[in-house]
PDB file of all heavy atoms in Angstrom:
ATOM      1  N   LEU A   1      12.748 -16.617   8.908  1.00  0.00           N
ATOM      2  CA  LEU A   1      13.353 -15.703   7.943  1.00  0.00           C
ATOM      3  C   LEU A   1      12.408 -15.479   6.761  1.00  0.00           C
ATOM      4  O   LEU A   1      12.226 -14.336   6.306  1.00  0.00           O
ATOM      5  CB  LEU A   1      14.687 -16.267   7.449  1.00  0.00           C
ATOM      6  CG  LEU A   1      15.400 -15.440   6.352  1.00  0.00           C
ATOM      7  CD1 LEU A   1      15.703 -14.029   6.854  1.00  0.00           C
ATOM      8  CD2 LEU A   1      16.681 -16.140   5.908  1.00  0.00           C
ATOM      9  N   ILE A   2      11.790 -16.545   6.282  1.00  0.00           N
ATOM     10  CA  ILE A   2      10.846 -16.422   5.161  1.00  0.00           C
ATOM     11  C   ILE A   2       9.670 -15.528   5.563  1.00  0.00           C
ATOM     12  O   ILE A   2       9.249 -14.645   4.799  1.00  0.00           O
ATOM     13  CB  ILE A   2      10.343 -17.809   4.716  1.00  0.00           C
ATOM     14  CG1 ILE A   2      11.485 -18.588   4.054  1.00  0.00           C
ATOM     15  CG2 ILE A   2       9.163 -17.678   3.754  1.00  0.00           C
ATOM     16  CD1 ILE A   2      11.146 -20.041   3.763  1.00  0.00           C
ATOM     17  N   TYR A   3       9.156 -15.726   6.774  1.00  0.00           N
ATOM     18  CA  TYR A   3       8.040 -14.905   7.243  1.00  0.00           C
ATOM     19  C   TYR A   3       8.429 -13.427   7.308  1.00  0.00           C
ATOM     20  O   TYR A   3       7.642 -12.541   6.934  1.00  0.00           O
ATOM     21  CB  TYR A   3       7.564 -15.378   8.619  1.00  0.00           C
ATOM     22  CG  TYR A   3       6.712 -16.624   8.594  1.00  0.00           C
ATOM     23  CD1 TYR A   3       6.830 -17.592   9.603  1.00  0.00           C
ATOM     24  CD2 TYR A   3       5.799 -16.844   7.573  1.00  0.00           C
ATOM     25  CE1 TYR A   3       6.050 -18.750   9.586  1.00  0.00           C
ATOM     26  CE2 TYR A   3       5.010 -17.999   7.551  1.00  0.00           C
ATOM     27  CZ  TYR A   3       5.149 -18.943   8.555  1.00  0.00           C
ATOM     28  OH  TYR A   3       4.381 -20.079   8.536  1.00  0.00           O
ATOM     29  N   LEU A   4       9.645 -13.130   7.799  1.00  0.00           N
ATOM     30  CA  LEU A   4      10.074 -11.736   7.897  1.00  0.00           C
ATOM     31  C   LEU A   4      10.314 -11.108   6.530  1.00  0.00           C
ATOM     32  O   LEU A   4      10.052  -9.925   6.326  1.00  0.00           O
ATOM     33  CB  LEU A   4      11.336 -11.632   8.759  1.00  0.00           C
ATOM     34  CG  LEU A   4      11.127 -11.867  10.258  1.00  0.00           C
ATOM     35  CD1 LEU A   4      12.417 -11.590  11.025  1.00  0.00           C
ATOM     36  CD2 LEU A   4      10.009 -10.978  10.806  1.00  0.00           C
ATOM     37  N   LEU A   5      10.800 -11.899   5.587  1.00  0.00           N
ATOM     38  CA  LEU A   5      10.934 -11.383   4.218  1.00  0.00           C
ATOM     39  C   LEU A   5       9.557 -11.099   3.623  1.00  0.00           C
ATOM     40  O   LEU A   5       9.373 -10.112   2.895  1.00  0.00           O
ATOM     41  CB  LEU A   5      11.699 -12.377   3.351  1.00  0.00           C
ATOM     42  CG  LEU A   5      13.188 -12.552   3.692  1.00  0.00           C
ATOM     43  CD1 LEU A   5      13.810 -13.651   2.838  1.00  0.00           C
ATOM     44  CD2 LEU A   5      13.952 -11.230   3.479  1.00  0.00           C
ATOM     45  N   LEU A   6       8.580 -11.941   3.966  1.00  0.00           N
ATOM     46  CA  LEU A   6       7.205 -11.704   3.511  1.00  0.00           C
ATOM     47  C   LEU A   6       6.602 -10.471   4.191  1.00  0.00           C
ATOM     48  O   LEU A   6       5.799  -9.753   3.585  1.00  0.00           O
ATOM     49  CB  LEU A   6       6.345 -12.936   3.780  1.00  0.00           C
ATOM     50  CG  LEU A   6       6.627 -14.134   2.865  1.00  0.00           C
ATOM     51  CD1 LEU A   6       5.878 -15.376   3.353  1.00  0.00           C
ATOM     52  CD2 LEU A   6       6.233 -13.814   1.423  1.00  0.00           C
ATOM     53  N   VAL A   7       6.990 -10.220   5.446  1.00  0.00           N
ATOM     54  CA  VAL A   7       6.586  -8.987   6.127  1.00  0.00           C
ATOM     55  C   VAL A   7       7.048  -7.772   5.314  1.00  0.00           C
ATOM     56  O   VAL A   7       6.282  -6.843   5.039  1.00  0.00           O
ATOM     57  CB  VAL A   7       7.172  -8.916   7.557  1.00  0.00           C
ATOM     58  CG1 VAL A   7       7.060  -7.493   8.122  1.00  0.00           C
ATOM     59  CG2 VAL A   7       6.454  -9.886   8.485  1.00  0.00           C
ATOM     60  N   GLY A   8       8.333  -7.801   4.927  1.00  0.00           N
ATOM     61  CA  GLY A   8       8.895  -6.704   4.133  1.00  0.00           C
ATOM     62  C   GLY A   8       8.238  -6.575   2.775  1.00  0.00           C
ATOM     63  O   GLY A   8       7.957  -5.459   2.302  1.00  0.00           O
ATOM     64  N   LEU A   9       7.972  -7.710   2.133  1.00  0.00           N
ATOM     65  CA  LEU A   9       7.337  -7.696   0.810  1.00  0.00           C
ATOM     66  C   LEU A   9       5.924  -7.116   0.891  1.00  0.00           C
ATOM     67  O   LEU A   9       5.527  -6.287   0.056  1.00  0.00           O
ATOM     68  CB  LEU A   9       7.295  -9.118   0.251  1.00  0.00           C
ATOM     69  CG  LEU A   9       6.876  -9.263  -1.216  1.00  0.00           C
ATOM     70  CD1 LEU A   9       7.859  -8.541  -2.133  1.00  0.00           C
ATOM     71  CD2 LEU A   9       6.772 -10.735  -1.594  1.00  0.00           C
ATOM     72  N   CYS A  10       5.168  -7.528   1.903  1.00  0.00           N
ATOM     73  CA  CYS A  10       3.815  -7.007   2.090  1.00  0.00           C
ATOM     74  C   CYS A  10       3.839  -5.509   2.416  1.00  0.00           C
ATOM     75  O   CYS A  10       3.008  -4.741   1.913  1.00  0.00           O
ATOM     76  CB  CYS A  10       3.097  -7.764   3.210  1.00  0.00           C
ATOM     77  SG  CYS A  10       2.593  -9.440   2.781  1.00  0.00           S
ATOM     78  N   ALA A  11       4.785  -5.104   3.271  1.00  0.00           N
ATOM     79  CA  ALA A  11       4.892  -3.690   3.635  1.00  0.00           C
ATOM     80  C   ALA A  11       5.208  -2.840   2.413  1.00  0.00           C
ATOM     81  O   ALA A  11       4.607  -1.772   2.217  1.00  0.00           O
ATOM     82  CB  ALA A  11       5.977  -3.503   4.700  1.00  0.00           C
ATOM     83  N   ALA A  12       6.152  -3.311   1.583  1.00  0.00           N
ATOM     84  CA  ALA A  12       6.504  -2.569   0.369  1.00  0.00           C
ATOM     85  C   ALA A  12       5.316  -2.515  -0.594  1.00  0.00           C
ATOM     86  O   ALA A  12       5.008  -1.470  -1.168  1.00  0.00           O
ATOM     87  CB  ALA A  12       7.710  -3.222  -0.307  1.00  0.00           C
ATOM     88  N   GLY A  13       4.624  -3.663  -0.740  1.00  0.00           N
ATOM     89  CA  GLY A  13       3.439  -3.695  -1.601  1.00  0.00           C
ATOM     90  C   GLY A  13       2.373  -2.730  -1.122  1.00  0.00           C
ATOM     91  O   GLY A  13       1.737  -2.038  -1.919  1.00  0.00           O
ATOM     92  N   GLY A  14       2.195  -2.670   0.204  1.00  0.00           N
ATOM     93  CA  GLY A  14       1.222  -1.748   0.772  1.00  0.00           C
ATOM     94  C   GLY A  14       1.590  -0.299   0.541  1.00  0.00           C
ATOM     95  O   GLY A  14       0.744   0.524   0.180  1.00  0.00           O
ATOM     96  N   GLN A  15       2.880   0.033   0.728  1.00  0.00           N
ATOM     97  CA  GLN A  15       3.329   1.414   0.548  1.00  0.00           C
ATOM     98  C   GLN A  15       3.180   1.873  -0.892  1.00  0.00           C
ATOM     99  O   GLN A  15       2.649   2.958  -1.154  1.00  0.00           O
ATOM    100  CB  GLN A  15       4.797   1.535   0.980  1.00  0.00           C
ATOM    101  CG  GLN A  15       4.994   1.598   2.484  1.00  0.00           C
ATOM    102  CD  GLN A  15       6.450   1.847   2.853  1.00  0.00           C
ATOM    103  OE1 GLN A  15       7.343   1.117   2.440  1.00  0.00           O
ATOM    104  NE2 GLN A  15       6.690   2.873   3.624  1.00  0.00           N
ATOM    105  N   PHE A  16       3.627   1.051  -1.826  1.00  0.00           N
ATOM    106  CA  PHE A  16       3.555   1.446  -3.233  1.00  0.00           C
ATOM    107  C   PHE A  16       2.110   1.454  -3.735  1.00  0.00           C
ATOM    108  O   PHE A  16       1.738   2.297  -4.555  1.00  0.00           O
ATOM    109  CB  PHE A  16       4.426   0.522  -4.095  1.00  0.00           C
ATOM    110  CG  PHE A  16       5.891   0.827  -3.995  1.00  0.00           C
ATOM    111  CD1 PHE A  16       6.754  -0.056  -3.351  1.00  0.00           C
ATOM    112  CD2 PHE A  16       6.416   1.996  -4.525  1.00  0.00           C
ATOM    113  CE1 PHE A  16       8.113   0.228  -3.249  1.00  0.00           C
ATOM    114  CE2 PHE A  16       7.775   2.281  -4.421  1.00  0.00           C
ATOM    115  CZ  PHE A  16       8.629   1.403  -3.787  1.00  0.00           C
ATOM    116  N   SER A  17       1.280   0.552  -3.229  1.00  0.00           N
ATOM    117  CA  SER A  17      -0.127   0.503  -3.650  1.00  0.00           C
ATOM    118  C   SER A  17      -0.888   1.736  -3.174  1.00  0.00           C
ATOM    119  O   SER A  17      -1.681   2.315  -3.927  1.00  0.00           O
ATOM    120  CB  SER A  17      -0.809  -0.760  -3.120  1.00  0.00           C
ATOM    121  OG  SER A  17      -0.247  -1.917  -3.669  1.00  0.00           O
ATOM    122  N   ILE A  18      -0.640   2.136  -1.922  1.00  0.00           N
ATOM    123  CA  ILE A  18      -1.371   3.295  -1.403  1.00  0.00           C
ATOM    124  C   ILE A  18      -0.881   4.586  -2.071  1.00  0.00           C
ATOM    125  O   ILE A  18      -1.651   5.522  -2.295  1.00  0.00           O
ATOM    126  CB  ILE A  18      -1.277   3.371   0.136  1.00  0.00           C
ATOM    127  CG1 ILE A  18      -2.450   4.196   0.686  1.00  0.00           C
ATOM    128  CG2 ILE A  18       0.061   3.958   0.607  1.00  0.00           C
ATOM    129  CD1 ILE A  18      -2.656   4.039   2.174  1.00  0.00           C
ATOM    130  N   THR A  19       0.410   4.616  -2.433  1.00  0.00           N
ATOM    131  CA  THR A  19       0.937   5.772  -3.180  1.00  0.00           C
ATOM    132  C   THR A  19       0.266   5.855  -4.551  1.00  0.00           C
ATOM    133  O   THR A  19      -0.146   6.930  -4.994  1.00  0.00           O
ATOM    134  CB  THR A  19       2.465   5.648  -3.357  1.00  0.00           C
ATOM    135  OG1 THR A  19       3.080   5.620  -2.068  1.00  0.00           O
ATOM    136  CG2 THR A  19       3.020   6.823  -4.147  1.00  0.00           C
ATOM    137  N   ALA A  20       0.129   4.707  -5.211  1.00  0.00           N
ATOM    138  CA  ALA A  20      -0.534   4.661  -6.520  1.00  0.00           C
ATOM    139  C   ALA A  20      -1.997   5.052  -6.384  1.00  0.00           C
ATOM    140  O   ALA A  20      -2.538   5.771  -7.240  1.00  0.00           O
ATOM    141  CB  ALA A  20      -0.406   3.262  -7.123  1.00  0.00           C
ATOM    142  N   ALA A  21      -2.649   4.595  -5.313  1.00  0.00           N
ATOM    143  CA  ALA A  21      -4.068   4.887  -5.108  1.00  0.00           C
ATOM    144  C   ALA A  21      -4.323   6.388  -5.090  1.00  0.00           C
ATOM    145  O   ALA A  21      -5.229   6.892  -5.762  1.00  0.00           O
ATOM    146  CB  ALA A  21      -4.550   4.250  -3.803  1.00  0.00           C
ATOM    147  N   TYR A  22      -3.490   7.112  -4.342  1.00  0.00           N
ATOM    148  CA  TYR A  22      -3.702   8.554  -4.215  1.00  0.00           C
ATOM    149  C   TYR A  22      -3.198   9.340  -5.423  1.00  0.00           C
ATOM    150  O   TYR A  22      -3.430  10.536  -5.527  1.00  0.00           O
ATOM    151  CB  TYR A  22      -3.072   9.060  -2.920  1.00  0.00           C
ATOM    152  CG  TYR A  22      -3.818   8.589  -1.686  1.00  0.00           C
ATOM    153  CD1 TYR A  22      -3.162   7.922  -0.658  1.00  0.00           C
ATOM    154  CD2 TYR A  22      -5.181   8.780  -1.567  1.00  0.00           C
ATOM    155  CE1 TYR A  22      -3.851   7.476   0.463  1.00  0.00           C
ATOM    156  CE2 TYR A  22      -5.882   8.341  -0.459  1.00  0.00           C
ATOM    157  CZ  TYR A  22      -5.218   7.694   0.548  1.00  0.00           C
ATOM    158  OH  TYR A  22      -5.908   7.250   1.645  1.00  0.00           O
ATOM    159  N   SER A  23      -2.515   8.656  -6.333  1.00  0.00           N
ATOM    160  CA  SER A  23      -2.165   9.299  -7.607  1.00  0.00           C
ATOM    161  C   SER A  23      -3.326   9.188  -8.597  1.00  0.00           C
ATOM    162  O   SER A  23      -3.446   9.990  -9.515  1.00  0.00           O
ATOM    163  CB  SER A  23      -0.906   8.650  -8.211  1.00  0.00           C
ATOM    164  OG  SER A  23      -1.173   7.345  -8.674  1.00  0.00           O
ATOM    165  N   PHE A  24      -4.207   8.210  -8.384  1.00  0.00           N
ATOM    166  CA  PHE A  24      -5.375   8.034  -9.253  1.00  0.00           C
ATOM    167  C   PHE A  24      -6.562   8.875  -8.796  1.00  0.00           C
ATOM    168  O   PHE A  24      -7.342   9.359  -9.608  1.00  0.00           O
ATOM    169  CB  PHE A  24      -5.806   6.562  -9.290  1.00  0.00           C
ATOM    170  CG  PHE A  24      -4.933   5.685 -10.126  1.00  0.00           C
ATOM    171  CD1 PHE A  24      -4.334   4.552  -9.583  1.00  0.00           C
ATOM    172  CD2 PHE A  24      -4.691   5.968 -11.467  1.00  0.00           C
ATOM    173  CE1 PHE A  24      -3.526   3.724 -10.349  1.00  0.00           C
ATOM    174  CE2 PHE A  24      -3.881   5.147 -12.237  1.00  0.00           C
ATOM    175  CZ  PHE A  24      -3.298   4.033 -11.684  1.00  0.00           C
ATOM    176  N   ALA A  25      -6.716   9.021  -7.486  1.00  0.00           N
ATOM    177  CA  ALA A  25      -7.888   9.723  -6.965  1.00  0.00           C
ATOM    178  C   ALA A  25      -7.535  10.405  -5.648  1.00  0.00           C
ATOM    179  O   ALA A  25      -6.674   9.925  -4.912  1.00  0.00           O
ATOM    180  CB  ALA A  25      -9.035   8.742  -6.763  1.00  0.00           C
ATOM    181  N   PRO A  26      -8.208  11.533  -5.338  1.00  0.00           N
ATOM    182  CA  PRO A  26      -7.918  12.242  -4.088  1.00  0.00           C
ATOM    183  C   PRO A  26      -8.381  11.465  -2.868  1.00  0.00           C
ATOM    184  O   PRO A  26      -9.286  10.616  -2.948  1.00  0.00           O
ATOM    185  CB  PRO A  26      -8.696  13.560  -4.238  1.00  0.00           C
ATOM    186  CG  PRO A  26      -9.766  13.266  -5.227  1.00  0.00           C
ATOM    187  CD  PRO A  26      -9.193  12.250  -6.157  1.00  0.00           C
ATOM    188  N   SER A  27      -7.783  11.786  -1.735  1.00  0.00           N
ATOM    189  CA  SER A  27      -8.069  11.087  -0.484  1.00  0.00           C
ATOM    190  C   SER A  27      -9.552  11.110  -0.148  1.00  0.00           C
ATOM    191  O   SER A  27     -10.105  10.117   0.325  1.00  0.00           O
ATOM    192  CB  SER A  27      -7.267  11.737   0.647  1.00  0.00           C
ATOM    193  OG  SER A  27      -7.642  11.221   1.899  1.00  0.00           O
ATOM    194  N   ARG A  28     -10.228  12.231  -0.396  1.00  0.00           N
ATOM    195  CA  ARG A  28     -11.633  12.368   0.002  1.00  0.00           C
ATOM    196  C   ARG A  28     -12.544  11.362  -0.700  1.00  0.00           C
ATOM    197  O   ARG A  28     -13.643  11.081  -0.231  1.00  0.00           O
ATOM    198  CB  ARG A  28     -12.122  13.787  -0.282  1.00  0.00           C
ATOM    199  CG  ARG A  28     -12.153  14.164  -1.747  1.00  0.00           C
ATOM    200  CD  ARG A  28     -12.676  15.574  -1.962  1.00  0.00           C
ATOM    201  NE  ARG A  28     -12.701  15.917  -3.369  1.00  0.00           N
ATOM    202  CZ  ARG A  28     -11.687  16.402  -4.061  1.00  0.00           C
ATOM    203  NH1 ARG A  28     -10.522  16.603  -3.447  1.00  0.00           N
ATOM    204  NH2 ARG A  28     -11.795  16.691  -5.339  1.00  0.00           N
ATOM    205  N   GLU A  29     -12.093  10.820  -1.842  1.00  0.00           N
ATOM    206  CA  GLU A  29     -12.924   9.904  -2.615  1.00  0.00           C
ATOM    207  C   GLU A  29     -12.670   8.433  -2.289  1.00  0.00           C
ATOM    208  O   GLU A  29     -13.547   7.595  -2.514  1.00  0.00           O
ATOM    209  CB  GLU A  29     -12.701  10.119  -4.124  1.00  0.00           C
ATOM    210  CG  GLU A  29     -13.192  11.467  -4.635  1.00  0.00           C
ATOM    211  CD  GLU A  29     -13.016  11.591  -6.138  1.00  0.00           C
ATOM    212  OE1 GLU A  29     -12.544  10.632  -6.779  1.00  0.00           O
ATOM    213  OE2 GLU A  29     -13.354  12.659  -6.683  1.00  0.00           O
ATOM    214  N   ILE A  30     -11.503   8.104  -1.765  1.00  0.00           N
ATOM    215  CA  ILE A  30     -11.159   6.682  -1.627  1.00  0.00           C
ATOM    216  C   ILE A  30     -10.631   6.284  -0.250  1.00  0.00           C
ATOM    217  O   ILE A  30     -10.511   5.086   0.032  1.00  0.00           O
ATOM    218  CB  ILE A  30     -10.116   6.262  -2.690  1.00  0.00           C
ATOM    219  CG1 ILE A  30      -8.804   7.037  -2.495  1.00  0.00           C
ATOM    220  CG2 ILE A  30     -10.665   6.451  -4.094  1.00  0.00           C
ATOM    221  CD1 ILE A  30      -7.680   6.555  -3.417  1.00  0.00           C
ATOM    222  N   SER A  31     -10.312   7.251   0.623  1.00  0.00           N
ATOM    223  CA  SER A  31      -9.634   6.916   1.888  1.00  0.00           C
ATOM    224  C   SER A  31     -10.449   5.961   2.751  1.00  0.00           C
ATOM    225  O   SER A  31      -9.886   5.141   3.486  1.00  0.00           O
ATOM    226  CB  SER A  31      -9.317   8.190   2.673  1.00  0.00           C
ATOM    227  OG  SER A  31     -10.506   8.901   2.974  1.00  0.00           O
ATOM    228  N   ILE A  32     -11.766   6.032   2.670  1.00  0.00           N
ATOM    229  CA  ILE A  32     -12.608   5.200   3.526  1.00  0.00           C
ATOM    230  C   ILE A  32     -12.386   3.712   3.251  1.00  0.00           C
ATOM    231  O   ILE A  32     -12.539   2.866   4.146  1.00  0.00           O
ATOM    232  CB  ILE A  32     -14.100   5.572   3.323  1.00  0.00           C
ATOM    233  CG1 ILE A  32     -14.946   4.979   4.442  1.00  0.00           C
ATOM    234  CG2 ILE A  32     -14.605   5.136   1.965  1.00  0.00           C
ATOM    235  CD1 ILE A  32     -14.643   5.531   5.803  1.00  0.00           C
ATOM    236  N   TYR A  33     -11.974   3.376   2.030  1.00  0.00           N
ATOM    237  CA  TYR A  33     -11.787   1.961   1.675  1.00  0.00           C
ATOM    238  C   TYR A  33     -10.567   1.360   2.375  1.00  0.00           C
ATOM    239  O   TYR A  33     -10.429   0.133   2.412  1.00  0.00           O
ATOM    240  CB  TYR A  33     -11.653   1.816   0.157  1.00  0.00           C
ATOM    241  CG  TYR A  33     -12.912   2.208  -0.583  1.00  0.00           C
ATOM    242  CD1 TYR A  33     -13.045   3.482  -1.133  1.00  0.00           C
ATOM    243  CD2 TYR A  33     -13.978   1.328  -0.705  1.00  0.00           C
ATOM    244  CE1 TYR A  33     -14.205   3.859  -1.791  1.00  0.00           C
ATOM    245  CE2 TYR A  33     -15.143   1.688  -1.365  1.00  0.00           C
ATOM    246  CZ  TYR A  33     -15.253   2.969  -1.902  1.00  0.00           C
ATOM    247  OH  TYR A  33     -16.404   3.335  -2.551  1.00  0.00           O
TER     248      TYR A  33
END
């Protein structure tokens, strides 16, 4: 159960981080990272 909650936490962190990334810079400049 702890591992699956961590799956969800990581997934949410990934989604919000990538959304923030593309609000700072366009895809053509950072997508390769």
